[in-house]
Amino acid sequence: MYAIVYEAEAQADLLAILSYYADEGGMALVENIGSRIETALAGLAYLPYRSIESSLVHGAREFILNNLPYKAFLVIDETEKTVYVLNIVHTARQFP
């Protein structure tokens, strides 16, 4: 099993996403969306290579969050058995 580590930029991205949903729909929506994002990313602890190699960020992988308009950019460190979540971005956003 791999550890999941959110880098500072990914934490900031998640906070911005949840702030948006707080403004749009309130705390129940924030809890729902936050839980869905964290559950999807936690699944990478068991199957990190279900992500694909990124064509946008050299050396990173992309993971589409099912049923959400977001994808995560990540790096898998085999020696430490850790998945580093670099960013979480809306799929419509021009990135990087």
N, C-alpha and C. Protein backbone atom coordinates (compact mmCIF):
# COMPACT_ATOMS: atom_id res chain seq x y z
N MET A 1 0.84 -1.18 0.00
CA MET A 1 0.00 0.00 0.00
C MET A 1 0.90 1.25 0.00
N TYR A 2 0.48 2.25 -0.74
CA TYR A 2 1.22 3.51 -0.86
C TYR A 2 0.62 4.56 0.07
N ALA A 3 1.46 5.44 0.57
CA ALA A 3 0.99 6.60 1.33
C ALA A 3 0.57 7.68 0.33
N ILE A 4 -0.43 8.46 0.68
CA ILE A 4 -0.88 9.58 -0.15
C ILE A 4 -0.48 10.87 0.56
N VAL A 5 0.29 11.72 -0.14
CA VAL A 5 0.75 12.98 0.43
C VAL A 5 0.29 14.12 -0.48
N TYR A 6 -0.44 15.06 0.08
CA TYR A 6 -0.87 16.25 -0.65
C TYR A 6 0.21 17.31 -0.52
N GLU A 7 0.80 17.71 -1.63
CA GLU A 7 1.77 18.81 -1.61
C GLU A 7 1.02 20.11 -1.31
N ALA A 8 1.74 21.14 -0.95
CA ALA A 8 1.13 22.42 -0.55
C ALA A 8 0.23 22.98 -1.65
N GLU A 9 0.65 22.88 -2.89
CA GLU A 9 -0.17 23.41 -3.98
C GLU A 9 -1.47 22.62 -4.14
N ALA A 10 -1.42 21.31 -3.95
CA ALA A 10 -2.63 20.49 -4.02
C ALA A 10 -3.58 20.83 -2.88
N GLN A 11 -3.02 21.09 -1.71
CA GLN A 11 -3.85 21.49 -0.56
C GLN A 11 -4.54 22.82 -0.85
N ALA A 12 -3.79 23.75 -1.46
CA ALA A 12 -4.38 25.05 -1.81
C ALA A 12 -5.45 24.88 -2.88
N ASP A 13 -5.22 24.00 -3.84
CA ASP A 13 -6.22 23.72 -4.88
C ASP A 13 -7.49 23.17 -4.26
N LEU A 14 -7.34 22.21 -3.35
CA LEU A 14 -8.50 21.61 -2.70
C LEU A 14 -9.28 22.64 -1.89
N LEU A 15 -8.57 23.49 -1.19
CA LEU A 15 -9.22 24.56 -0.42
C LEU A 15 -9.99 25.51 -1.34
N ALA A 16 -9.41 25.87 -2.48
CA ALA A 16 -10.09 26.75 -3.44
C ALA A 16 -11.35 26.08 -4.01
N ILE A 17 -11.25 24.79 -4.30
CA ILE A 17 -12.41 24.04 -4.81
C ILE A 17 -13.52 24.04 -3.78
N LEU A 18 -13.18 23.74 -2.55
CA LEU A 18 -14.19 23.67 -1.49
C LEU A 18 -14.77 25.05 -1.16
N SER A 19 -13.97 26.09 -1.26
CA SER A 19 -14.47 27.45 -1.06
C SER A 19 -15.50 27.81 -2.12
N TYR A 20 -15.22 27.41 -3.35
CA TYR A 20 -16.17 27.66 -4.44
C TYR A 20 -17.50 26.98 -4.15
N TYR A 21 -17.45 25.71 -3.75
CA TYR A 21 -18.70 24.99 -3.48
C TYR A 21 -19.41 25.53 -2.23
N ALA A 22 -18.67 26.06 -1.28
CA ALA A 22 -19.30 26.67 -0.10
C ALA A 22 -20.12 27.88 -0.52
N ASP A 23 -19.58 28.67 -1.44
CA ASP A 23 -20.30 29.84 -1.94
C ASP A 23 -21.51 29.44 -2.77
N GLU A 24 -21.37 28.36 -3.52
CA GLU A 24 -22.44 27.94 -4.44
C GLU A 24 -23.55 27.14 -3.77
N GLY A 25 -23.19 26.29 -2.79
CA GLY A 25 -24.22 25.39 -2.29
C GLY A 25 -24.22 25.10 -0.81
N GLY A 26 -23.29 25.66 -0.07
CA GLY A 26 -23.29 25.47 1.37
C GLY A 26 -22.44 24.31 1.84
N MET A 27 -22.43 24.12 3.14
CA MET A 27 -21.53 23.16 3.77
C MET A 27 -21.85 21.71 3.44
N ALA A 28 -23.11 21.37 3.22
CA ALA A 28 -23.44 19.99 2.87
C ALA A 28 -22.78 19.62 1.54
N LEU A 29 -22.81 20.54 0.60
CA LEU A 29 -22.18 20.30 -0.70
C LEU A 29 -20.66 20.22 -0.54
N VAL A 30 -20.09 21.07 0.28
CA VAL A 30 -18.64 21.06 0.53
C VAL A 30 -18.23 19.70 1.10
N GLU A 31 -18.97 19.21 2.08
CA GLU A 31 -18.64 17.92 2.68
C GLU A 31 -18.75 16.79 1.66
N ASN A 32 -19.77 16.84 0.82
CA ASN A 32 -19.97 15.82 -0.20
C ASN A 32 -18.82 15.83 -1.21
N ILE A 33 -18.52 16.98 -1.77
CA ILE A 33 -17.47 17.09 -2.78
C ILE A 33 -16.10 16.77 -2.17
N GLY A 34 -15.82 17.29 -1.00
CA GLY A 34 -14.55 17.02 -0.34
C GLY A 34 -14.35 15.54 -0.07
N SER A 35 -15.39 14.89 0.39
CA SER A 35 -15.34 13.46 0.66
C SER A 35 -15.10 12.66 -0.63
N ARG A 36 -15.78 13.05 -1.70
CA ARG A 36 -15.61 12.34 -2.97
C ARG A 36 -14.21 12.49 -3.53
N ILE A 37 -13.65 13.69 -3.42
CA ILE A 37 -12.28 13.92 -3.91
C ILE A 37 -11.29 13.11 -3.07
N GLU A 38 -11.40 13.19 -1.76
CA GLU A 38 -10.46 12.49 -0.90
C GLU A 38 -10.58 10.97 -1.03
N THR A 39 -11.78 10.46 -1.19
CA THR A 39 -11.98 9.03 -1.37
C THR A 39 -11.36 8.55 -2.68
N ALA A 40 -11.57 9.32 -3.75
CA ALA A 40 -10.99 8.95 -5.05
C ALA A 40 -9.46 8.92 -4.97
N LEU A 41 -8.88 9.94 -4.35
CA LEU A 41 -7.42 9.98 -4.25
C LEU A 41 -6.89 8.93 -3.28
N ALA A 42 -7.64 8.60 -2.25
CA ALA A 42 -7.21 7.56 -1.31
C ALA A 42 -7.13 6.20 -2.00
N GLY A 43 -7.95 5.99 -3.02
CA GLY A 43 -7.90 4.74 -3.77
C GLY A 43 -6.58 4.51 -4.47
N LEU A 44 -5.83 5.58 -4.71
CA LEU A 44 -4.52 5.45 -5.33
C LEU A 44 -3.53 4.74 -4.41
N ALA A 45 -3.82 4.65 -3.14
CA ALA A 45 -2.95 3.93 -2.22
C ALA A 45 -2.84 2.46 -2.60
N TYR A 46 -3.89 1.94 -3.22
CA TYR A 46 -3.92 0.53 -3.60
C TYR A 46 -3.57 0.31 -5.07
N LEU A 47 -3.95 1.24 -5.92
CA LEU A 47 -3.71 1.10 -7.36
C LEU A 47 -3.20 2.42 -7.95
N PRO A 48 -2.00 2.83 -7.63
CA PRO A 48 -1.52 4.13 -8.10
C PRO A 48 -1.32 4.21 -9.61
N TYR A 49 -1.11 3.07 -10.25
CA TYR A 49 -0.85 3.11 -11.69
C TYR A 49 -2.11 3.08 -12.54
N ARG A 50 -3.26 3.29 -11.92
CA ARG A 50 -4.47 3.49 -12.73
C ARG A 50 -4.52 4.92 -13.23
N SER A 51 -3.55 5.70 -12.83
CA SER A 51 -3.35 7.04 -13.39
C SER A 51 -2.58 6.87 -14.70
N ILE A 52 -2.60 7.92 -15.54
CA ILE A 52 -1.91 7.84 -16.82
C ILE A 52 -0.75 8.83 -16.86
N GLU A 53 0.22 8.57 -17.71
CA GLU A 53 1.33 9.51 -17.86
C GLU A 53 0.80 10.82 -18.41
N SER A 54 1.25 11.90 -17.83
CA SER A 54 0.77 13.24 -18.22
C SER A 54 1.50 13.73 -19.46
N SER A 55 0.72 14.28 -20.36
CA SER A 55 1.31 14.94 -21.53
C SER A 55 1.52 16.43 -21.24
N LEU A 56 1.01 16.89 -20.11
CA LEU A 56 1.09 18.31 -19.75
C LEU A 56 2.22 18.63 -18.78
N VAL A 57 2.49 17.73 -17.86
CA VAL A 57 3.50 17.96 -16.83
C VAL A 57 4.53 16.84 -16.92
N HIS A 58 5.75 17.19 -17.31
CA HIS A 58 6.81 16.20 -17.49
C HIS A 58 7.09 15.46 -16.18
N GLY A 59 7.10 14.14 -16.25
CA GLY A 59 7.41 13.31 -15.09
C GLY A 59 6.25 13.05 -14.16
N ALA A 60 5.11 13.62 -14.46
CA ALA A 60 3.93 13.45 -13.60
C ALA A 60 2.93 12.50 -14.26
N ARG A 61 1.95 12.13 -13.49
CA ARG A 61 0.85 11.32 -13.98
C ARG A 61 -0.46 12.08 -13.73
N GLU A 62 -1.51 11.72 -14.48
CA GLU A 62 -2.82 12.35 -14.32
C GLU A 62 -3.82 11.31 -13.86
N PHE A 63 -4.69 11.74 -12.97
CA PHE A 63 -5.75 10.87 -12.47
C PHE A 63 -7.06 11.64 -12.54
N ILE A 64 -7.98 11.15 -13.35
CA ILE A 64 -9.30 11.77 -13.50
C ILE A 64 -10.17 11.35 -12.33
N LEU A 65 -10.78 12.31 -11.66
CA LEU A 65 -11.67 12.02 -10.53
C LEU A 65 -13.05 11.72 -11.10
N ASN A 66 -13.44 10.45 -11.02
CA ASN A 66 -14.71 10.01 -11.60
C ASN A 66 -15.91 10.81 -11.10
N ASN A 67 -16.78 11.16 -12.04
CA ASN A 67 -18.02 11.88 -11.77
C ASN A 67 -17.79 13.27 -11.16
N LEU A 68 -16.60 13.79 -11.32
CA LEU A 68 -16.28 15.15 -10.90
C LEU A 68 -15.49 15.81 -12.02
N PRO A 69 -15.60 17.13 -12.17
CA PRO A 69 -14.88 17.79 -13.26
C PRO A 69 -13.43 18.16 -12.91
N TYR A 70 -12.74 17.25 -12.23
CA TYR A 70 -11.38 17.52 -11.77
C TYR A 70 -10.44 16.39 -12.13
N LYS A 71 -9.16 16.76 -12.24
CA LYS A 71 -8.12 15.75 -12.36
C LYS A 71 -6.98 16.16 -11.45
N ALA A 72 -6.26 15.15 -11.00
CA ALA A 72 -5.11 15.37 -10.12
C ALA A 72 -3.84 15.03 -10.88
N PHE A 73 -2.82 15.83 -10.64
CA PHE A 73 -1.49 15.54 -11.15
C PHE A 73 -0.69 14.98 -9.99
N LEU A 74 0.04 13.89 -10.25
CA LEU A 74 0.73 13.22 -9.16
C LEU A 74 2.04 12.61 -9.62
N VAL A 75 2.85 12.29 -8.65
CA VAL A 75 4.12 11.59 -8.87
C VAL A 75 4.12 10.39 -7.93
N ILE A 76 4.55 9.24 -8.46
CA ILE A 76 4.63 8.03 -7.66
C ILE A 76 6.11 7.77 -7.35
N ASP A 77 6.41 7.67 -6.07
CA ASP A 77 7.78 7.37 -5.63
C ASP A 77 7.80 5.91 -5.17
N GLU A 78 8.41 5.06 -5.98
CA GLU A 78 8.45 3.63 -5.68
C GLU A 78 9.32 3.31 -4.47
N THR A 79 10.42 4.05 -4.29
CA THR A 79 11.31 3.74 -3.17
C THR A 79 10.65 4.03 -1.83
N GLU A 80 9.84 5.08 -1.77
CA GLU A 80 9.15 5.44 -0.53
C GLU A 80 7.72 4.90 -0.47
N LYS A 81 7.27 4.26 -1.57
CA LYS A 81 5.88 3.78 -1.66
C LYS A 81 4.91 4.90 -1.31
N THR A 82 5.09 6.04 -2.01
CA THR A 82 4.29 7.23 -1.75
C THR A 82 3.78 7.82 -3.05
N VAL A 83 2.54 8.27 -3.02
CA VAL A 83 1.95 9.02 -4.13
C VAL A 83 1.87 10.47 -3.68
N TYR A 84 2.56 11.34 -4.40
CA TYR A 84 2.54 12.78 -4.09
C TYR A 84 1.53 13.45 -5.01
N VAL A 85 0.49 14.02 -4.44
CA VAL A 85 -0.51 14.75 -5.21
C VAL A 85 0.02 16.17 -5.37
N LEU A 86 0.29 16.57 -6.61
CA LEU A 86 0.89 17.87 -6.89
C LEU A 86 -0.15 18.97 -7.04
N ASN A 87 -1.21 18.69 -7.80
CA ASN A 87 -2.26 19.67 -8.08
C ASN A 87 -3.58 18.96 -8.27
N ILE A 88 -4.66 19.69 -8.03
CA ILE A 88 -6.01 19.24 -8.36
C ILE A 88 -6.63 20.37 -9.17
N VAL A 89 -6.96 20.11 -10.43
CA VAL A 89 -7.43 21.18 -11.30
C VAL A 89 -8.73 20.80 -12.00
N HIS A 90 -9.51 21.81 -12.31
CA HIS A 90 -10.74 21.63 -13.08
C HIS A 90 -10.35 21.22 -14.50
N THR A 91 -11.08 20.29 -15.07
CA THR A 91 -10.72 19.79 -16.39
C THR A 91 -10.86 20.84 -17.49
N ALA A 92 -11.63 21.88 -17.24
CA ALA A 92 -11.79 22.94 -18.24
C ALA A 92 -10.66 23.99 -18.16
N ARG A 93 -9.88 23.93 -17.11
CA ARG A 93 -8.82 24.91 -16.89
C ARG A 93 -7.62 24.63 -17.79
N GLN A 94 -7.04 25.67 -18.34
CA GLN A 94 -5.79 25.54 -19.07
C GLN A 94 -4.68 25.32 -18.05
N PHE A 95 -4.04 24.17 -18.13
CA PHE A 95 -3.02 23.84 -17.14
C PHE A 95 -1.88 23.14 -17.83
N PRO A 96 -0.65 23.36 -17.53
CA PRO A 96 -0.11 24.36 -16.63
C PRO A 96 -0.07 25.73 -17.26
